[in-house]
Every structure is written in structure tokens, then in C-alpha cells.
Protein backbone atom coordinates (compact mmCIF):
# COMPACT_ATOMS: atom_id res chain seq x y z
CA PRO A 1 80.33 41.28 173.29
CA LYS A 2 79.91 39.04 176.32
CA VAL A 3 76.45 39.45 177.80
CA GLY A 4 75.44 38.33 181.27
CA HIS A 5 72.40 36.54 182.42
CA TYR A 6 70.28 39.70 182.40
CA GLY A 7 71.70 41.22 179.23
CA ASP A 8 74.28 43.15 181.27
CA ILE A 9 77.33 44.37 179.38
CA ALA A 10 80.26 46.68 180.30
CA SER A 11 79.72 49.16 177.41
CA ILE A 12 77.80 49.51 174.11
CA PRO A 13 80.08 48.43 171.22
CA LEU A 14 81.24 51.40 169.00
CA GLU A 15 79.50 50.09 165.92
CA LEU A 16 76.08 50.00 167.73
CA GLN A 17 76.27 53.34 169.50
CA ASP A 18 74.50 55.29 166.89
CA LEU A 19 71.71 52.75 166.76
CA THR A 20 70.96 52.76 170.47
CA SER A 21 68.54 54.44 172.75
CA HIS A 22 69.23 54.75 176.48
CA LEU A 23 66.69 54.68 179.22
CA ARG A 24 67.53 55.11 182.84
CA VAL A 25 65.54 52.65 185.05
CA PRO A 26 65.27 53.68 188.70
CA ASN A 27 66.53 51.07 191.11
CA ALA A 28 63.16 50.60 192.54
CA ALA A 29 61.76 49.58 189.15
CA MET A 30 64.74 47.46 187.92
CA GLN A 31 63.54 44.12 189.12
CA ALA A 32 60.06 44.51 187.57
CA VAL A 33 61.58 45.62 184.18
CA ARG A 34 64.15 42.68 184.24
CA GLU A 35 61.20 40.26 184.82
CA LYS A 36 59.38 41.72 181.81
CA GLN A 37 62.53 42.03 179.63
CA LYS A 38 61.85 39.08 177.30
CA GLU A 39 58.22 40.13 176.75
CA ILE A 40 59.29 43.72 176.04
CA GLU A 41 61.91 42.51 173.61
CA THR A 42 59.52 40.20 171.74
CA GLU A 43 56.81 42.83 171.63
CA THR A 44 58.96 45.66 170.48
CA GLY A 45 61.54 43.70 168.32
CA THR A 46 64.33 45.13 170.26
CA LEU A 47 67.24 43.99 172.35
CA MET A 48 67.72 45.33 175.85
CA LEU A 49 71.14 45.54 177.29
CA TRP A 50 72.02 46.73 180.85
CA LEU A 51 74.89 49.10 181.49
CA PRO A 52 76.50 49.33 184.88
CA SER A 53 74.76 51.67 187.26
CA GLY A 54 76.03 55.22 186.94
CA SER A 55 77.44 54.76 183.40
CA GLY A 56 76.71 57.47 180.99
CA ALA A 57 75.30 57.21 177.50
CA PRO A 58 77.98 57.32 174.70
CA ASN A 59 78.06 60.38 172.50
CA ARG A 60 76.44 59.84 169.16
CA GLN A 61 78.36 60.70 166.05
CA THR A 62 76.99 63.68 164.30
CA GLU A 63 75.06 62.91 161.11
CA HIS A 64 76.96 63.26 157.80
CA LEU A 65 76.78 67.01 157.00
CA ILE A 66 77.05 68.01 153.35
CA PRO A 67 79.68 70.68 152.97
CA ASN A 68 78.72 74.25 152.06
CA GLY A 69 79.19 74.77 148.29
CA ALA A 70 78.60 71.07 147.50
CA ARG A 71 76.56 70.47 144.33
CA VAL A 72 73.60 68.33 144.99
CA GLU A 73 70.15 67.43 143.86
CA ALA A 74 67.30 68.50 145.92
CA GLN A 75 63.56 67.37 145.77
CA TYR A 76 60.86 69.77 144.73
CA ARG A 77 57.31 68.60 144.23
CA GLY A 78 58.48 64.97 143.86
CA ALA A 79 61.22 65.68 141.22
CA TRP A 80 65.00 66.01 141.70
CA HIS A 81 66.64 69.29 140.64
CA ASN A 82 70.26 70.66 140.75
CA ALA A 83 71.15 72.80 143.62
CA THR A 84 74.13 74.05 145.68
CA VAL A 85 74.34 73.73 149.53
CA VAL A 86 74.62 77.16 151.17
CA TYR A 87 74.54 75.86 154.75
CA SER A 88 73.72 72.46 156.28
CA SER A 89 72.88 71.26 159.84
CA GLU A 90 71.39 68.03 161.24
CA GLN A 91 67.91 69.53 161.07
CA SER A 92 67.83 71.30 157.69
CA ILE A 93 69.78 72.27 154.57
CA GLN A 94 69.77 75.69 152.87
CA ILE A 95 70.19 75.42 149.17
CA SER A 96 70.40 77.59 146.14
CA TRP A 97 68.39 76.34 143.18
CA GLU A 98 70.50 76.11 139.96
CA TYR A 99 67.64 77.09 137.66
CA ASP A 100 66.95 80.49 139.29
CA GLY A 101 69.44 81.00 142.12
CA SER A 102 66.64 81.31 144.70
CA LEU A 103 67.30 80.01 148.26
CA ASP A 104 65.22 77.32 149.95
CA GLU A 105 65.41 75.38 153.19
CA VAL A 106 64.77 71.68 152.88
CA GLU A 107 64.84 68.57 155.09
CA PRO A 108 68.09 66.46 154.86
CA ASP A 109 66.16 63.52 153.28
CA GLN A 110 65.14 65.85 150.47
CA VAL A 111 68.83 66.23 149.32
CA ARG A 112 71.16 63.73 147.74
CA GLU A 113 74.80 64.07 146.71
């Protein structure tokens, strides 16, 4: 995208929207932040882009949810075991362990398809 002198752009490109964080800078502080922009970017390893005043943050896509009934592997005490997804959300996944049918709730990063 075309970027202006101060890193200003018309909108966040679609392929970057899920990787961005948005921070509203009050008009009174905008000049001070712009003056420190390069220092902030270097120190944090980030890129700052300015959206037009009044523009809203784009909606993020929801994380990939594993469908109910999907056969997966879930981590228990460092090892992967077969399980079936009972319910999944972005915060947790309820599974049924294959070996005994018991239910457990695990973090999404503890499940693989």
C-alpha cells in the first residue's frame, strides 16, 4: 500500500488485519507520538501506520474452530492422545478422550488435527 510521510494509509490491507493492533492516539498527543515514531518502531520491532481520524478498527477473522465431532489429538502430560471434539471456542476446547471417554477442557494449543 502507499504510505505517506508519517506512515499514514487509507486502510489496513486485508492480509495484515489479523496481525494488527489498534491504538487510538488523542489529537493532543498525536504530534508527540509522531515525533517518537521511528524510535518506538526501532525499540519495539514494529511498524506504525496511521489511519484517518475517525476510522474504525477492522473486524478480525475468528480463529479456526475445530468442528464438533472431529477426531483430534490432544496433549496430556506432554504426550499426544486420541480424542474427539465435543465443543470448541476460541478460548477452550472440550474433548472426549478415546481411551476412557472422559471429558476434559483444554487450551486450543493443546489440540492438533
